[in-house]
N, C-alpha and C. Protein backbone atom coordinates (compact mmCIF):
# COMPACT_ATOMS: atom_id res chain seq x y z
N MET A 1 143.68 120.43 102.78
CA MET A 1 143.72 119.13 101.52
C MET A 1 142.48 119.11 101.01
N PHE A 2 141.97 119.32 99.87
CA PHE A 2 140.92 118.98 99.32
C PHE A 2 140.75 117.65 98.44
N CYS A 3 139.79 116.84 98.92
CA CYS A 3 139.85 115.47 98.21
C CYS A 3 138.26 115.17 97.29
N ALA A 4 138.29 115.12 96.05
CA ALA A 4 137.30 114.85 95.32
C ALA A 4 136.76 113.32 95.38
N SER A 5 135.53 113.29 95.06
CA SER A 5 135.23 111.58 94.18
C SER A 5 134.05 112.19 93.81
N SER A 6 133.99 111.13 92.84
CA SER A 6 132.74 110.97 92.19
C SER A 6 132.23 109.41 92.42
N PHE A 7 130.85 109.33 92.33
CA PHE A 7 130.21 108.02 92.64
C PHE A 7 128.75 108.41 91.82
N LEU A 8 128.18 106.85 91.71
CA LEU A 8 127.17 106.93 90.89
C LEU A 8 125.94 106.23 91.85
N VAL A 9 124.92 106.93 92.26
CA VAL A 9 124.13 106.11 93.20
C VAL A 9 122.85 105.61 92.04
N ARG A 10 122.65 104.49 92.29
CA ARG A 10 121.34 104.09 91.65
C ARG A 10 120.09 103.57 92.33
N SER A 11 119.23 104.12 91.90
CA SER A 11 117.90 104.13 92.72
C SER A 11 117.16 102.66 92.68
N GLY A 12 116.40 102.25 93.56
CA GLY A 12 115.92 101.08 93.27
C GLY A 12 114.83 101.01 92.38
N PRO A 13 114.20 99.67 92.32
CA PRO A 13 113.11 99.73 91.07
C PRO A 13 112.22 100.81 91.31
N ALA A 14 111.31 101.45 90.20
CA ALA A 14 110.18 102.14 90.06
C ALA A 14 109.03 102.09 90.95
N ASP A 15 108.62 103.08 91.68
CA ASP A 15 107.08 102.18 91.86
C ASP A 15 106.22 101.67 90.94
N LEU A 16 105.17 101.20 91.33
CA LEU A 16 104.51 100.68 90.48
C LEU A 16 103.25 101.07 90.77
N ASN A 17 102.40 101.69 89.82
CA ASN A 17 101.33 102.31 89.57
C ASN A 17 100.53 101.32 89.04
N LEU A 18 99.46 100.76 90.26
CA LEU A 18 98.34 99.80 89.54
C LEU A 18 96.94 100.09 89.85
N GLN A 19 96.04 99.44 89.24
CA GLN A 19 94.48 99.70 89.33
C GLN A 19 93.86 98.16 89.72
N ALA A 20 92.87 98.23 90.85
CA ALA A 20 92.38 97.09 91.11
C ALA A 20 90.75 97.30 90.79
N GLN A 21 90.25 96.33 90.39
CA GLN A 21 88.66 96.31 89.98
C GLN A 21 87.91 95.32 90.81
N LEU A 22 87.35 95.16 91.57
CA LEU A 22 86.56 94.31 92.09
C LEU A 22 84.74 93.94 91.29
N VAL A 23 85.75 92.79 90.54
CA VAL A 23 84.06 92.16 89.58
C VAL A 23 83.28 91.37 89.83
N TRP A 24 82.16 91.69 89.12
CA TRP A 24 81.02 90.38 89.62
C TRP A 24 80.35 89.83 88.44
N GLY A 25 80.52 88.54 88.12
CA GLY A 25 80.84 88.00 87.01
C GLY A 25 79.16 87.07 86.61
N THR A 26 78.24 87.30 85.91
CA THR A 26 76.75 86.44 86.42
C THR A 26 76.26 86.23 85.11
N ASN A 27 75.40 85.34 84.45
CA ASN A 27 74.53 85.19 83.37
C ASN A 27 73.50 86.20 83.42
N ASN A 28 73.07 86.47 84.76
CA ASN A 28 71.93 87.38 84.82
C ASN A 28 71.86 88.89 84.34
N GLU A 29 70.78 89.45 84.39
CA GLU A 29 71.04 91.02 83.73
C GLU A 29 71.32 91.67 84.87
N LYS A 30 71.84 93.27 84.60
CA LYS A 30 72.26 94.15 85.48
C LYS A 30 70.70 94.08 86.62
N PRO A 31 71.32 94.03 87.54
CA PRO A 31 70.30 94.31 88.73
C PRO A 31 70.03 96.07 88.57
N ASP A 32 69.21 96.42 89.62
CA ASP A 32 68.89 97.62 89.98
C ASP A 32 69.93 98.28 90.78
N ASP A 33 70.71 97.94 91.24
CA ASP A 33 71.92 98.40 92.08
C ASP A 33 72.32 99.48 91.52
N PRO A 34 72.63 101.05 91.64
CA PRO A 34 72.89 101.95 91.08
C PRO A 34 74.46 101.73 91.40
N LYS A 35 74.96 101.47 91.94
CA LYS A 35 76.57 101.61 92.13
C LYS A 35 77.27 100.28 91.18
N LEU A 36 76.25 99.37 90.65
CA LEU A 36 77.35 98.54 89.74
C LEU A 36 76.84 99.26 88.50
N LYS A 37 78.39 99.30 87.49
CA LYS A 37 77.83 99.53 86.28
C LYS A 37 79.05 98.35 85.69
N GLU A 38 78.84 98.39 84.27
CA GLU A 38 79.30 97.63 83.37
C GLU A 38 80.77 97.89 83.35
N VAL A 39 81.62 96.83 83.37
CA VAL A 39 82.98 96.65 83.12
C VAL A 39 83.59 97.58 81.77
N ASP A 40 84.78 97.78 81.23
CA ASP A 40 85.19 98.30 80.77
C ASP A 40 84.71 97.28 79.19
N PRO A 41 84.37 97.58 78.11
CA PRO A 41 84.32 96.50 77.10
C PRO A 41 85.33 95.83 76.88
N GLY A 42 86.62 96.40 77.06
CA GLY A 42 87.48 95.43 76.39
C GLY A 42 88.02 94.70 77.73
N VAL A 43 87.85 94.61 78.61
CA VAL A 43 88.44 93.89 80.05
C VAL A 43 87.22 92.70 80.19
N ALA A 44 85.64 93.23 79.76
CA ALA A 44 84.72 91.97 79.56
C ALA A 44 85.09 91.17 78.32
N GLU A 45 85.37 91.49 77.39
CA GLU A 45 85.88 90.81 76.50
C GLU A 45 86.82 90.06 76.55
N LYS A 46 87.84 90.02 77.40
CA LYS A 46 88.98 89.35 77.78
C LYS A 46 88.53 88.39 78.92
N LEU A 47 87.61 88.56 79.84
CA LEU A 47 87.10 87.83 80.79
C LEU A 47 86.30 86.72 80.20
N ARG A 48 85.45 87.08 79.15
CA ARG A 48 84.45 86.03 78.42
C ARG A 48 85.36 85.20 78.09
N LYS A 49 86.95 85.51 77.27
CA LYS A 49 87.07 84.49 76.43
C LYS A 49 87.88 83.47 77.61
N VAL A 50 87.86 83.66 78.52
CA VAL A 50 88.61 82.73 79.71
C VAL A 50 87.13 81.87 80.68
N PHE A 51 86.26 82.77 81.22
CA PHE A 51 85.09 82.44 81.83
C PHE A 51 83.78 82.43 81.39
N LYS A 52 82.95 81.96 82.07
CA LYS A 52 81.72 81.47 81.39
C LYS A 52 80.61 82.26 81.59
N TRP A 53 81.06 83.30 81.95
CA TRP A 53 79.90 84.52 82.57
C TRP A 53 79.65 85.48 81.26
N LYS A 54 78.52 85.84 80.87
CA LYS A 54 78.24 86.47 79.99
C LYS A 54 78.23 88.05 80.53
N ASN A 55 77.70 88.38 81.48
CA ASN A 55 77.80 89.91 82.19
C ASN A 55 78.69 90.09 83.05
N TYR A 56 79.44 90.97 83.46
CA TYR A 56 80.53 91.49 84.07
C TYR A 56 80.35 93.04 84.78
N PHE A 57 80.18 93.07 86.04
CA PHE A 57 79.95 94.51 86.84
C PHE A 57 81.11 94.77 87.74
N GLU A 58 81.02 95.93 87.45
CA GLU A 58 82.17 96.70 88.12
C GLU A 58 81.55 97.26 89.63
N VAL A 59 82.01 96.44 90.71
CA VAL A 59 81.78 96.93 92.20
C VAL A 59 82.81 98.10 92.67
N LYS A 60 83.77 98.19 92.29
CA LYS A 60 84.50 98.80 93.13
C LYS A 60 85.91 99.22 92.07
N ARG A 61 86.29 100.58 92.07
CA ARG A 61 87.65 100.39 91.41
C ARG A 61 88.61 101.24 92.12
N GLN A 62 89.95 101.04 92.25
CA GLN A 62 90.79 101.44 93.17
C GLN A 62 91.94 101.78 92.26
N ASN A 63 92.91 103.09 92.19
CA ASN A 63 94.05 103.22 91.80
C ASN A 63 95.06 103.51 92.83
N PHE A 64 96.16 102.85 92.77
CA PHE A 64 96.96 102.64 93.73
C PHE A 64 98.46 102.48 93.65
N THR A 65 99.24 102.65 94.19
CA THR A 65 100.78 102.59 94.23
C THR A 65 101.59 101.69 95.01
N VAL A 66 102.37 100.81 94.72
CA VAL A 66 102.98 99.94 95.14
C VAL A 66 104.25 100.48 95.39
N ALA A 67 105.37 100.92 96.68
CA ALA A 67 106.38 101.15 96.50
C ALA A 67 107.26 100.03 96.28
N ALA A 68 108.69 100.30 96.15
CA ALA A 68 109.26 98.85 95.65
C ALA A 68 109.70 98.37 97.23
N GLY A 69 109.73 97.06 97.29
CA GLY A 69 110.01 96.76 98.96
C GLY A 69 109.00 96.68 99.84
N SER A 70 107.73 97.38 99.51
CA SER A 70 106.87 97.71 100.72
C SER A 70 105.78 97.18 100.28
N PRO A 71 104.97 96.20 100.61
CA PRO A 71 103.89 95.67 100.50
C PRO A 71 102.54 96.67 100.47
N LYS A 72 101.53 96.49 99.81
CA LYS A 72 100.46 97.38 99.75
C LYS A 72 99.15 96.64 99.98
N LYS A 73 98.15 96.91 101.40
CA LYS A 73 96.94 96.64 101.04
C LYS A 73 95.83 97.14 100.57
N VAL A 74 94.84 96.98 99.81
CA VAL A 74 94.11 97.51 99.20
C VAL A 74 92.74 96.96 99.61
N LYS A 75 92.07 97.68 100.50
CA LYS A 75 90.31 96.78 100.46
C LYS A 75 89.78 97.12 99.38
N MET A 76 88.90 96.11 98.84
CA MET A 76 88.11 95.91 97.86
C MET A 76 86.46 95.86 98.27
N SER A 77 86.66 95.41 99.38
CA SER A 77 84.93 95.23 100.02
C SER A 77 85.15 95.00 101.70
N ASP A 78 84.05 95.05 102.09
CA ASP A 78 84.13 94.37 103.39
C ASP A 78 84.69 93.06 103.43
N ASP A 79 84.48 92.36 102.33
CA ASP A 79 84.85 90.78 102.77
C ASP A 79 86.38 90.48 101.74
N CYS A 80 86.94 91.71 101.20
CA CYS A 80 87.59 91.10 99.99
C CYS A 80 88.84 92.56 100.18
N GLU A 81 89.74 91.63 99.98
CA GLU A 81 91.50 92.57 100.43
C GLU A 81 92.34 92.12 99.99
N ILE A 82 93.22 92.93 98.89
CA ILE A 82 94.20 92.38 98.55
C ILE A 82 95.43 92.89 99.16
N GLU A 83 96.63 92.27 98.94
CA GLU A 83 97.67 92.94 99.06
C GLU A 83 99.03 92.41 98.20
N VAL A 84 99.34 93.69 97.73
CA VAL A 84 100.43 93.60 96.48
C VAL A 84 101.58 93.91 96.73
N GLN A 85 102.89 93.04 96.39
CA GLN A 85 104.06 93.62 96.60
C GLN A 85 104.89 93.65 95.25
N SER A 86 105.55 94.57 95.01
CA SER A 86 106.46 94.70 93.90
C SER A 86 107.72 94.34 94.51
N LEU A 87 107.99 93.05 93.20
CA LEU A 87 109.22 91.88 93.37
C LEU A 87 110.40 92.60 92.42
N GLY A 88 110.11 93.63 91.56
CA GLY A 88 110.86 94.47 90.92
C GLY A 88 110.69 93.77 89.00
N SER A 89 111.36 94.48 88.11
CA SER A 89 111.03 94.33 86.98
C SER A 89 109.68 93.94 86.49
N SER A 90 108.92 94.68 87.28
CA SER A 90 107.42 94.76 86.59
C SER A 90 106.86 93.20 87.20
N SER A 91 107.62 92.73 88.25
CA SER A 91 106.84 91.36 88.74
C SER A 91 106.39 92.00 90.04
N ILE A 92 104.84 90.99 90.38
CA ILE A 92 104.31 91.70 91.68
C ILE A 92 104.01 90.31 92.08
N GLU A 93 103.79 90.08 93.43
CA GLU A 93 103.10 89.13 94.01
C GLU A 93 101.58 89.60 94.71
N VAL A 94 101.03 89.00 94.75
CA VAL A 94 99.41 89.70 95.17
C VAL A 94 98.91 88.33 95.99
N LYS A 95 98.55 88.67 97.20
CA LYS A 95 97.69 87.93 98.12
C LYS A 95 96.24 88.35 98.04
N LEU A 96 95.18 87.65 97.79
CA LEU A 96 93.73 87.73 97.55
C LEU A 96 93.10 87.12 99.11
N TYR A 97 92.61 88.14 99.87
CA TYR A 97 91.92 87.63 100.99
C TYR A 97 90.35 87.60 100.99
N GLY A 98 89.63 87.01 101.23
CA GLY A 98 88.54 86.83 101.23
C GLY A 98 87.76 86.27 102.84
N LYS A 99 86.97 87.37 103.28
CA LYS A 99 86.70 87.25 104.76
C LYS A 99 87.86 86.93 105.59
N GLY A 100 88.65 87.76 105.05
CA GLY A 100 90.34 87.76 105.90
C GLY A 100 91.31 86.33 106.08
N LYS A 101 90.77 85.30 105.06
CA LYS A 101 91.39 84.18 104.90
C LYS A 101 91.96 84.31 103.50
N LEU A 102 93.44 83.61 103.38
CA LEU A 102 94.20 84.15 102.26
C LEU A 102 93.49 83.02 101.41
N ALA A 103 92.84 83.34 100.22
CA ALA A 103 91.98 82.60 99.12
C ALA A 103 93.14 82.42 97.90
N VAL A 104 93.91 82.94 97.67
CA VAL A 104 94.76 83.03 96.25
C VAL A 104 95.94 83.57 96.70
N ARG A 105 97.08 83.21 96.30
CA ARG A 105 98.69 83.67 96.17
C ARG A 105 99.32 83.77 94.67
N LYS A 106 99.72 84.83 93.84
CA LYS A 106 100.03 84.62 92.97
C LYS A 106 101.28 85.65 92.66
N THR A 107 102.16 85.15 91.73
CA THR A 107 103.12 86.12 91.02
C THR A 107 103.39 85.94 90.08
N GLN A 108 103.54 87.12 89.14
CA GLN A 108 103.21 87.18 87.59
C GLN A 108 103.72 88.57 87.47
N LYS A 109 104.48 88.72 86.27
CA LYS A 109 104.85 90.06 85.84
C LYS A 109 103.37 90.71 85.16
N ILE A 110 103.42 92.06 84.98
CA ILE A 110 102.58 92.81 84.80
C ILE A 110 102.70 94.11 83.97
N SER A 111 102.00 93.88 82.68
CA SER A 111 102.46 95.18 81.85
C SER A 111 101.02 95.60 81.61
N PRO A 112 101.34 96.71 80.84
CA PRO A 112 100.25 97.64 80.82
C PRO A 112 98.98 97.32 79.68
N SER A 113 99.36 96.08 78.99
CA SER A 113 98.58 95.23 78.22
C SER A 113 97.82 94.40 78.39
N GLU A 114 98.09 93.75 79.82
CA GLU A 114 97.89 92.43 80.29
C GLU A 114 97.22 92.73 81.64
N LEU A 115 96.16 92.17 81.76
CA LEU A 115 95.42 91.90 82.90
C LEU A 115 95.76 90.83 84.01
N LEU A 116 95.66 90.95 85.16
CA LEU A 116 95.88 89.72 86.23
C LEU A 116 94.76 89.63 86.94
N VAL A 117 94.15 88.52 86.80
CA VAL A 117 93.03 88.28 87.48
C VAL A 117 92.79 87.04 88.19
N LEU A 118 92.24 87.72 89.45
CA LEU A 118 92.02 86.22 90.38
C LEU A 118 90.81 86.10 90.74
N ALA A 119 90.08 85.14 90.94
CA ALA A 119 88.54 84.50 90.67
C ALA A 119 88.63 83.42 92.25
N GLY A 120 86.92 83.73 92.22
CA GLY A 120 86.53 82.92 93.46
C GLY A 120 85.41 82.48 93.15
N ASP A 121 84.47 81.82 93.29
CA ASP A 121 83.24 81.47 93.17
C ASP A 121 82.48 81.96 94.48
N ASP A 122 81.23 82.56 94.11
CA ASP A 122 79.84 83.23 95.14
C ASP A 122 78.86 82.24 94.94
N LYS A 123 77.97 82.76 95.34
CA LYS A 123 76.72 81.93 95.93
C LYS A 123 75.90 82.09 94.54
N ASP A 124 74.89 81.17 93.94
CA ASP A 124 73.85 81.51 93.12
C ASP A 124 74.67 81.37 91.48
N ASP A 125 75.34 80.39 91.59
CA ASP A 125 76.19 80.68 90.00
C ASP A 125 76.64 81.75 89.77
N THR A 126 77.10 82.48 90.38
CA THR A 126 77.86 83.80 89.87
C THR A 126 79.67 83.53 90.58
N ALA A 127 80.11 84.38 90.09
CA ALA A 127 81.69 84.40 90.79
C ALA A 127 81.98 85.99 90.64
N TRP A 128 83.22 85.88 91.46
CA TRP A 128 83.65 87.46 91.59
C TRP A 128 85.49 87.41 91.56
N PHE A 129 85.71 88.69 91.07
CA PHE A 129 87.36 88.52 90.53
C PHE A 129 87.65 90.09 90.85
N VAL A 130 88.91 89.73 90.97
CA VAL A 130 89.92 91.17 91.56
C VAL A 130 91.05 91.06 90.20
N VAL A 131 90.65 92.21 89.32
CA VAL A 131 91.15 92.95 88.28
C VAL A 131 92.18 93.50 88.24
N LEU A 132 93.62 93.26 88.12
CA LEU A 132 95.06 94.01 88.27
C LEU A 132 95.23 94.41 87.08
N SER A 133 95.27 95.89 86.67
CA SER A 133 95.99 96.43 85.47
C SER A 133 96.59 97.45 85.82
N GLN A 134 97.56 97.91 84.57
CA GLN A 134 98.67 99.16 84.96
C GLN A 134 97.68 100.16 84.25
N PRO A 135 97.05 101.41 84.85
CA PRO A 135 96.22 102.09 84.41
C PRO A 135 97.14 103.12 82.96
N ALA A 136 96.62 103.82 82.21
CA ALA A 136 97.10 104.08 80.95
C ALA A 136 97.86 105.71 81.79
N LYS A 137 98.73 105.93 81.64
CA LYS A 137 99.48 107.12 81.94
C LYS A 137 98.52 108.45 81.45
């Protein structure tokens, strides 16, 4: 005897491609460190609208993928790490760790035209930021 059936298999939420930038904000001019470069003008303009610093330098940039239901840890520097989890429907939870301690926890939807910015104070009247975005395809 032959039995046929049909069924629909739905996949879970799609993996989420993200970009994280570790950014240093300051009112000083660019230091001589060749590793530092100015952030993209669009990102700098968005940061200037919210924060007080006039110069923003990229310390590190990483592209990564967050699989649905599986948190992804991304080391941005010796002292800075983020953990990102996809919650579905373009919502993410981000945990920012500074020197191994949880500094910020944030849940937000992310879209290709928006930035998710996590910030912390630094010494000498400067600040550091982790800027999350969805890179252009």
